[in-house]
Amino acid sequence: MAATRLLALHQIRGRTIAESLKERMDYTENDLKTEEKKYISTYGCDIETADEEFLLSQSLYHNGVRDVRRKEIIAYQIRQSFKPGEVTPEKANEIGYELAMRFTKGKYAFTVCTHTDKAHIHNHIIFNAISMDGKKKFRNFYFSGIALRRISDIICFENGLSIIKRAPYKERKSKGRYSRKEHFTDKKLEFIKDIEAKLMEGKGKGYVTWAKRFNAKQMAKTVLFLQEHKIESYEQLKEMTDERSGRLKELKDSMKEKEALLSENKKRQQAIIDYSKNRKVFEAYKKSGYSKKFYSEHEAQLLIYKAAEEVYKSVPKGQKLNMRKLRDEYGHILEEKKKEFTEYAGINKDIHEYLIAKRNLEMLYRQEQGKNEKEGRDKRTRNSRTQSVL
């Protein structure tokens, strides 16, 4: 079970966009909250330079599309909180990554920071307001919060977690004027109602009539779905659903691996640039006899050179860093990742329909099995009574 909320992050008054972004990022990446950055994942950026990479897209957009406006929205934050004890930090981070990927459709860079400092594990997802190519800005559409909650519920259901159920109208606490749009519920994702359980709660005949009608509609949708996709049995539906779910997981894991490869590739490209730019400074430092005065005057350049040198040392023996080769490799990996995401988006588009149909059939079979068992018990009871009378 996960509760979600979408927040727009504006440029803080009296501060630059860079300062505003850094403050938000520093909070979500806090070592104490994420157990020394153990539970952090990213897309389209590196956690150490995420705010700077966000800024690069911001600059491209404001220089090429339009200027910065008053109260500029620089990023969006998704807060996703889980029920205590229901999910591990690793799983929560994985679900948060999936939520961000589906909601942004892979067009906006984001960071997912899972906080474990509270009783309830929760994610802070920050995604850039500007697309990675710097050409488009995210538009916070009217029912974005509901769409976000719906995606989160689907992912929770896919991972075997409980779903938050909206309280009946009579049981809701008044919080001022009631808005139908604010409390809109997408009934497409509601499953078959358990009539017998509701009867035990003392519901009236009117509810039973409604529930039966509702069940009929849900089953009609399920049957129509099975016909459209030429599914002839539960076994076939289960096989197709499992196959799609498995492929989604494979694609997601593969995209994560490629994201790591791209990050490492970018790191090596930067190392080549930094090494070349600061090599002369290091040679001069070496000639000075490693003078402390020289070091203090050129500390920043020497530290950058040292970091680049460490990257060179990490390269396996027999391999050399070549900028052209690295760029070609980066383009190849990126192209493969784009193809995988296209396939992922296509499968993910209708996977929840398969899951709903599978769940509906399972509940229907369970009800039929319970009914048959009850009839069998009644028959045995009548037979035993007849024998005792004889």
Protein backbone atom coordinates (compact mmCIF):
# COMPACT_ATOMS: atom_id res chain seq x y z
CA MET A 1 0.00 0.00 0.00
CA ALA A 2 1.37 3.41 -0.96
CA ALA A 3 0.08 6.97 -0.59
CA THR A 4 1.27 9.44 -3.21
CA ARG A 5 1.46 13.20 -3.61
CA LEU A 6 2.72 15.41 -6.44
CA LEU A 7 4.33 18.77 -5.62
CA ALA A 8 5.62 21.52 -7.91
CA LEU A 9 8.99 22.92 -6.81
CA HIS A 10 9.33 26.65 -7.56
CA GLN A 11 12.42 28.82 -7.64
CA ILE A 12 12.92 30.04 -4.07
CA ARG A 13 12.52 33.76 -3.68
CA GLY A 14 15.87 35.56 -3.46
CA ARG A 15 17.82 32.54 -4.74
CA THR A 16 18.99 31.34 -8.12
CA ILE A 17 17.60 28.25 -9.85
CA ALA A 18 20.88 26.46 -9.06
CA GLU A 19 20.66 27.27 -5.33
CA SER A 20 16.97 26.28 -5.22
CA LEU A 21 17.66 22.93 -6.90
CA LYS A 22 20.66 22.14 -4.70
CA GLU A 23 18.69 22.77 -1.49
CA ARG A 24 15.92 20.36 -2.55
CA MET A 25 18.41 17.73 -3.75
CA ASP A 26 20.52 17.93 -0.57
CA TYR A 27 17.48 17.16 1.57
CA THR A 28 16.37 14.11 -0.42
CA GLU A 29 19.93 12.74 -0.69
CA ASN A 30 20.66 13.15 3.05
CA ASP A 31 23.05 10.38 4.20
CA LEU A 32 21.21 9.76 7.46
CA LYS A 33 17.86 9.36 5.71
CA THR A 34 19.13 7.15 2.85
CA GLU A 35 21.67 5.17 4.94
CA GLU A 36 24.66 6.86 3.28
CA LYS A 37 23.05 6.93 -0.18
CA LYS A 38 22.48 3.18 -0.11
CA TYR A 39 18.90 3.49 -1.33
CA ILE A 40 19.19 5.90 -4.25
CA SER A 41 18.61 5.33 -7.96
CA THR A 42 18.61 7.74 -10.90
CA TYR A 43 17.55 8.05 -14.52
CA GLY A 44 19.14 10.37 -17.07
CA CYS A 45 21.60 11.77 -14.50
CA ASP A 46 24.18 10.88 -11.87
CA ILE A 47 23.34 11.38 -8.19
CA GLU A 48 26.55 13.36 -7.55
CA THR A 49 25.84 15.86 -10.33
CA ALA A 50 22.04 15.63 -10.68
CA ASP A 51 21.38 19.31 -9.89
CA GLU A 52 24.00 20.40 -12.43
CA GLU A 53 22.58 18.10 -15.12
CA PHE A 54 19.09 19.41 -14.37
CA LEU A 55 20.48 22.92 -14.82
CA LEU A 56 21.94 22.04 -18.21
CA SER A 57 18.47 21.11 -19.52
CA GLN A 58 17.07 24.25 -17.87
CA SER A 59 19.65 26.42 -19.69
CA LEU A 60 18.93 24.80 -23.05
CA TYR A 61 15.21 25.43 -22.59
CA HIS A 62 15.46 29.03 -21.35
CA ASN A 63 18.01 29.97 -24.01
CA GLY A 64 16.21 28.32 -26.90
CA VAL A 65 12.47 28.31 -26.03
CA ARG A 66 11.59 31.03 -23.51
CA ASP A 67 13.05 33.10 -20.68
CA VAL A 68 12.73 32.38 -16.97
CA ARG A 69 9.40 33.58 -15.59
CA ARG A 70 8.29 34.75 -12.17
CA LYS A 71 7.70 31.83 -9.77
CA GLU A 72 9.32 29.46 -12.26
CA ILE A 73 8.65 25.75 -11.67
CA ILE A 74 12.09 24.13 -11.79
CA ALA A 75 11.21 20.55 -10.85
CA TYR A 76 8.48 18.30 -9.45
CA GLN A 77 8.58 16.10 -6.38
CA ILE A 78 6.64 12.88 -5.88
CA ARG A 79 6.24 11.65 -2.32
CA GLN A 80 5.36 7.97 -2.05
CA SER A 81 4.82 6.53 1.43
CA PHE A 82 4.41 2.82 2.20
CA LYS A 83 2.55 1.00 4.96
CA PRO A 84 4.97 0.21 7.86
CA GLY A 85 6.42 -3.29 7.63
CA GLU A 86 4.97 -4.06 4.18
CA VAL A 87 8.02 -3.35 2.01
CA THR A 88 11.82 -3.37 2.25
CA PRO A 89 13.89 -0.25 1.40
CA GLU A 90 15.28 -2.00 -1.70
CA LYS A 91 11.79 -2.88 -2.95
CA ALA A 92 10.46 0.59 -2.14
CA ASN A 93 13.24 2.17 -4.21
CA GLU A 94 12.53 -0.21 -7.10
CA ILE A 95 8.82 0.66 -6.99
CA GLY A 96 9.64 4.38 -6.82
CA TYR A 97 11.89 4.06 -9.89
CA GLU A 98 9.11 2.26 -11.78
CA LEU A 99 6.55 4.91 -10.75
CA ALA A 100 8.80 7.75 -11.94
CA MET A 101 9.57 5.96 -15.21
CA ARG A 102 5.91 5.33 -16.03
CA PHE A 103 4.73 8.80 -14.97
CA THR A 104 7.44 10.72 -16.88
CA LYS A 105 7.50 8.20 -19.78
CA GLY A 106 11.29 8.31 -19.71
CA LYS A 107 11.44 11.86 -21.07
CA TYR A 108 12.56 13.64 -17.86
CA ALA A 109 15.61 12.92 -15.72
CA PHE A 110 14.85 11.95 -12.11
CA THR A 111 16.30 10.82 -8.79
CA VAL A 112 14.66 8.35 -6.40
CA CYS A 113 15.77 8.64 -2.76
CA THR A 114 14.28 6.16 -0.29
CA HIS A 115 14.17 7.42 3.31
CA THR A 116 14.27 4.92 6.17
CA ASP A 117 14.42 7.36 9.09
CA LYS A 118 10.68 7.08 9.84
CA ALA A 119 8.44 4.14 10.79
CA HIS A 120 7.01 4.25 7.28
CA ILE A 121 9.51 3.86 4.44
CA HIS A 122 8.95 6.58 1.85
CA ASN A 123 10.35 7.78 -1.47
CA HIS A 124 11.27 11.31 -2.49
CA ILE A 125 11.27 11.39 -6.29
CA ILE A 126 12.45 14.59 -7.96
CA PHE A 127 12.13 14.88 -11.72
CA ASN A 128 13.30 17.79 -13.85
CA ALA A 129 10.60 20.15 -15.13
CA ILE A 130 12.49 20.26 -18.44
CA SER A 131 12.88 17.24 -20.73
CA MET A 132 16.35 15.77 -21.20
CA ASP A 133 16.67 17.27 -24.70
CA GLY A 134 15.85 20.75 -23.32
CA LYS A 135 12.97 21.30 -25.75
CA LYS A 136 9.86 20.67 -23.64
CA LYS A 137 8.53 21.55 -20.20
CA PHE A 138 6.37 19.20 -18.15
CA ARG A 139 2.73 20.35 -17.94
CA ASN A 140 1.00 19.55 -14.67
CA PHE A 141 -2.36 18.43 -16.11
CA TYR A 142 -5.69 18.68 -14.27
CA PHE A 143 -5.96 15.12 -12.84
CA SER A 144 -2.22 14.50 -12.54
CA GLY A 145 -2.52 13.53 -8.85
CA ILE A 146 -5.17 10.92 -9.64
CA ALA A 147 -3.15 9.59 -12.59
CA LEU A 148 -0.10 9.31 -10.31
CA ARG A 149 -2.08 7.45 -7.64
CA ARG A 150 -3.51 5.11 -10.26
CA ILE A 151 -0.05 4.22 -11.61
CA SER A 152 1.22 3.72 -8.05
CA ASP A 153 -1.72 1.41 -7.23
CA ILE A 154 -1.09 -0.65 -10.36
CA ILE A 155 2.60 -1.07 -9.49
CA CYS A 156 1.74 -1.99 -5.88
CA PHE A 157 -0.74 -4.56 -7.16
CA GLU A 158 1.87 -5.98 -9.55
CA ASN A 159 4.27 -6.37 -6.61
CA GLY A 160 1.73 -8.01 -4.29
CA LEU A 161 1.20 -4.98 -2.03
CA SER A 162 -2.17 -3.85 -0.66
CA ILE A 163 -4.10 -0.96 -2.22
CA ILE A 164 -5.62 1.98 -0.34
CA LYS A 165 -9.40 1.74 -0.51
CA ARG A 166 -11.41 4.94 -0.60
CA ALA A 167 -13.72 5.23 2.41
CA PRO A 168 -17.50 5.26 1.71
CA TYR A 169 -19.03 8.74 1.44
CA LYS A 170 -20.82 8.49 4.82
CA GLU A 171 -17.57 7.54 6.62
CA ARG A 172 -15.49 10.40 5.25
CA LYS A 173 -14.61 13.19 7.62
CA SER A 174 -15.69 16.61 6.46
CA LYS A 175 -12.80 18.82 5.34
CA GLY A 176 -14.73 21.80 4.08
CA ARG A 177 -16.51 21.93 0.76
CA TYR A 178 -16.63 18.55 -0.98
CA SER A 179 -15.32 18.47 -4.52
CA ARG A 180 -16.39 15.66 -6.85
CA LYS A 181 -13.30 16.19 -8.99
CA GLU A 182 -11.00 16.06 -5.97
CA HIS A 183 -12.55 12.79 -4.76
CA PHE A 184 -12.91 11.25 -8.22
CA THR A 185 -12.39 7.46 -8.24
CA ASP A 186 -11.46 5.56 -11.36
CA LYS A 187 -13.79 2.54 -11.23
CA LYS A 188 -12.02 0.86 -14.11
CA LEU A 189 -9.50 -0.49 -11.61
CA GLU A 190 -12.01 -1.70 -9.03
CA PHE A 191 -12.43 -5.47 -8.87
CA ILE A 192 -15.42 -7.75 -8.35
CA LYS A 193 -17.22 -6.98 -5.08
CA ASP A 194 -17.60 -9.69 -2.47
CA ILE A 195 -21.41 -9.66 -1.92
CA GLU A 196 -21.40 -12.21 0.91
CA ALA A 197 -18.82 -10.24 2.92
CA LYS A 198 -20.87 -7.06 2.58
CA LEU A 199 -24.02 -8.86 3.66
CA MET A 200 -22.20 -9.89 6.84
CA GLU A 201 -21.65 -6.18 7.49
CA GLY A 202 -25.40 -5.58 7.42
CA LYS A 203 -25.79 -4.00 4.01
CA GLY A 204 -29.32 -3.78 2.61
CA LYS A 205 -31.00 -5.21 -0.48
CA GLY A 206 -30.30 -2.05 -2.45
CA TYR A 207 -26.56 -2.61 -2.06
CA VAL A 208 -26.88 -6.27 -3.11
CA THR A 209 -28.70 -5.25 -6.30
CA TRP A 210 -26.03 -2.65 -7.08
CA ALA A 211 -23.17 -5.08 -6.35
CA LYS A 212 -24.65 -7.77 -8.58
CA ARG A 213 -25.05 -5.24 -11.38
CA PHE A 214 -21.52 -4.00 -10.81
CA ASN A 215 -20.16 -7.55 -10.89
CA ALA A 216 -22.05 -8.22 -14.13
CA LYS A 217 -20.45 -5.13 -15.72
CA GLN A 218 -16.98 -6.11 -14.55
CA MET A 219 -17.34 -9.65 -15.83
CA ALA A 220 -18.75 -8.34 -19.13
CA LYS A 221 -15.62 -6.19 -19.54
CA THR A 222 -13.46 -9.20 -18.71
CA VAL A 223 -15.26 -11.45 -21.23
CA LEU A 224 -14.99 -8.73 -23.90
CA PHE A 225 -11.27 -8.39 -23.18
CA LEU A 226 -10.80 -12.17 -23.52
CA GLN A 227 -12.69 -12.21 -26.82
CA GLU A 228 -10.75 -9.28 -28.28
CA HIS A 229 -7.44 -10.93 -27.42
CA LYS A 230 -8.66 -14.44 -28.45
CA ILE A 231 -7.97 -15.90 -25.00
CA GLU A 232 -9.79 -19.22 -24.58
CA SER A 233 -8.83 -20.32 -21.06
CA TYR A 234 -7.56 -19.12 -17.69
CA GLU A 235 -4.33 -21.04 -18.26
CA GLN A 236 -3.74 -19.16 -21.52
CA LEU A 237 -4.50 -15.81 -19.81
CA LYS A 238 -2.11 -16.64 -16.95
CA GLU A 239 0.61 -17.67 -19.38
CA MET A 240 0.23 -14.43 -21.40
CA THR A 241 0.15 -12.29 -18.24
CA ASP A 242 3.20 -14.00 -16.73
CA GLU A 243 5.06 -13.72 -20.03
CA ARG A 244 4.39 -9.98 -20.25
CA SER A 245 5.25 -9.39 -16.59
CA GLY A 246 8.48 -11.35 -17.02
CA ARG A 247 9.42 -9.43 -20.15
CA LEU A 248 8.72 -6.12 -18.39
CA LYS A 249 11.09 -7.12 -15.59
CA GLU A 250 13.77 -8.19 -18.08
CA LEU A 251 13.50 -4.89 -19.95
CA LYS A 252 13.54 -2.87 -16.73
CA ASP A 253 16.66 -4.69 -15.46
CA SER A 254 18.34 -4.30 -18.85
CA MET A 255 17.57 -0.57 -18.96
CA LYS A 256 19.01 -0.14 -15.47
CA GLU A 257 22.19 -1.94 -16.53
CA LYS A 258 22.50 0.27 -19.61
CA GLU A 259 21.91 3.36 -17.46
CA ALA A 260 24.85 2.27 -15.30
CA LEU A 261 26.99 1.68 -18.42
CA LEU A 262 26.09 5.12 -19.77
CA SER A 263 26.97 6.70 -16.44
CA GLU A 264 30.36 4.94 -16.38
CA ASN A 265 30.98 5.88 -20.02
CA LYS A 266 30.22 9.53 -19.29
CA LYS A 267 32.54 9.37 -16.27
CA ARG A 268 35.40 8.06 -18.43
CA GLN A 269 34.83 10.70 -21.13
CA GLN A 270 35.01 13.42 -18.47
CA ALA A 271 38.17 11.84 -17.05
CA ILE A 272 39.89 12.13 -20.45
CA ILE A 273 38.99 15.82 -20.63
CA ASP A 274 40.01 16.55 -17.01
CA TYR A 275 43.29 14.62 -17.34
CA SER A 276 44.27 16.48 -20.50
CA LYS A 277 43.31 19.93 -19.17
CA ASN A 278 45.16 19.59 -15.85
CA ARG A 279 48.17 17.48 -16.86
CA LYS A 280 50.46 20.52 -17.23
CA VAL A 281 49.50 21.80 -13.78
CA PHE A 282 50.41 18.43 -12.26
CA GLU A 283 53.76 18.38 -14.12
CA ALA A 284 54.52 21.86 -12.77
CA TYR A 285 53.55 20.68 -9.27
CA LYS A 286 55.90 17.72 -9.68
CA LYS A 287 58.77 19.99 -10.82
CA SER A 288 58.21 22.24 -7.80
CA GLY A 289 59.09 19.29 -5.61
CA TYR A 290 55.45 18.92 -4.55
CA SER A 291 55.51 22.37 -3.00
CA LYS A 292 52.77 23.04 -0.44
CA LYS A 293 52.48 26.62 -1.66
CA PHE A 294 51.98 25.47 -5.26
CA TYR A 295 49.41 22.91 -4.11
CA SER A 296 47.40 25.50 -2.16
CA GLU A 297 47.36 27.78 -5.22
CA HIS A 298 46.22 25.01 -7.62
CA GLU A 299 44.36 22.68 -5.26
CA ALA A 300 41.12 22.48 -7.29
CA GLN A 301 42.92 21.61 -10.53
CA LEU A 302 45.14 19.03 -8.82
CA LEU A 303 42.16 17.33 -7.17
CA ILE A 304 40.36 17.11 -10.52
CA TYR A 305 43.52 15.65 -12.08
CA LYS A 306 43.84 13.11 -9.24
CA ALA A 307 40.21 12.00 -9.70
CA ALA A 308 40.77 11.60 -13.46
CA GLU A 309 43.94 9.61 -12.80
CA GLU A 310 41.97 7.22 -10.55
CA VAL A 311 39.54 6.59 -13.41
CA TYR A 312 42.48 5.75 -15.69
CA LYS A 313 43.83 3.32 -13.08
CA SER A 314 40.42 1.60 -12.80
CA VAL A 315 40.50 0.63 -16.50
CA PRO A 316 41.38 -3.09 -16.95
CA LYS A 317 44.89 -3.93 -18.14
CA GLY A 318 45.27 -3.94 -21.89
CA GLN A 319 42.56 -1.33 -22.39
CA LYS A 320 43.03 2.36 -23.11
CA LEU A 321 40.64 5.26 -22.82
CA ASN A 322 39.79 6.59 -26.26
CA MET A 323 37.32 9.48 -26.59
CA ARG A 324 36.06 8.55 -30.06
CA LYS A 325 35.56 4.94 -29.07
CA LEU A 326 33.76 5.95 -25.87
CA ARG A 327 31.41 8.29 -27.75
CA ASP A 328 30.57 5.59 -30.32
CA GLU A 329 29.94 3.14 -27.49
CA TYR A 330 27.73 5.69 -25.68
CA GLY A 331 25.62 6.24 -28.82
CA HIS A 332 25.24 2.48 -29.37
CA ILE A 333 24.15 1.79 -25.77
CA LEU A 334 21.75 4.76 -25.83
CA GLU A 335 20.16 3.52 -29.07
CA GLU A 336 19.65 0.03 -27.59
CA LYS A 337 18.15 1.53 -24.44
CA LYS A 338 15.69 3.61 -26.50
CA LYS A 339 14.56 0.47 -28.38
CA GLU A 340 14.04 -1.37 -25.09
CA PHE A 341 12.05 1.52 -23.67
CA THR A 342 9.80 1.58 -26.77
CA GLU A 343 9.07 -2.13 -26.26
CA TYR A 344 8.64 -1.59 -22.52
CA ALA A 345 6.11 1.21 -23.07
CA GLY A 346 4.15 -0.92 -25.56
CA ILE A 347 3.84 -3.91 -23.19
CA ASN A 348 3.25 -1.74 -20.14
CA LYS A 349 0.39 0.07 -21.89
CA ASP A 350 -2.03 -2.85 -21.51
CA ILE A 351 -0.44 -5.11 -18.85
CA HIS A 352 -2.83 -3.89 -16.14
CA GLU A 353 -5.81 -5.00 -18.29
CA TYR A 354 -4.39 -8.54 -18.31
CA LEU A 355 -3.84 -8.40 -14.54
CA ILE A 356 -7.42 -7.21 -13.91
CA ALA A 357 -8.90 -9.94 -16.13
CA LYS A 358 -6.75 -12.58 -14.38
CA ARG A 359 -7.76 -11.34 -10.93
CA ASN A 360 -11.47 -11.26 -11.89
CA LEU A 361 -11.39 -14.84 -13.15
CA GLU A 362 -9.56 -16.02 -10.05
CA MET A 363 -12.17 -14.42 -7.79
CA LEU A 364 -14.99 -15.87 -9.91
CA TYR A 365 -13.52 -19.38 -9.72
CA ARG A 366 -13.04 -18.97 -5.98
CA GLN A 367 -16.71 -18.02 -5.54
CA GLU A 368 -17.81 -20.99 -7.70
CA GLN A 369 -15.60 -23.35 -5.70
CA GLY A 370 -17.07 -22.08 -2.41
CA LYS A 371 -20.60 -22.48 -3.78
CA ASN A 372 -19.93 -26.08 -4.92
CA GLU A 373 -18.36 -26.97 -1.57
CA LYS A 374 -21.40 -25.57 0.25
CA GLU A 375 -23.79 -27.56 -1.97
CA GLY A 376 -21.73 -30.72 -1.35
CA ARG A 377 -21.87 -30.21 2.44
CA ASP A 378 -25.65 -29.65 2.29
CA LYS A 379 -26.11 -32.82 0.20
CA ARG A 380 -24.05 -34.91 2.65
CA THR A 381 -26.03 -33.49 5.59
CA ARG A 382 -29.37 -34.41 3.93
CA ASN A 383 -28.14 -37.93 3.18
CA SER A 384 -26.97 -38.48 6.75
CA ARG A 385 -30.33 -37.30 8.08
CA THR A 386 -32.20 -39.67 5.74
CA GLN A 387 -30.05 -42.63 6.86
CA SER A 388 -30.62 -41.81 10.55
CA VAL A 389 -34.39 -41.70 10.02
CA LEU A 390 -34.34 -45.09 8.27
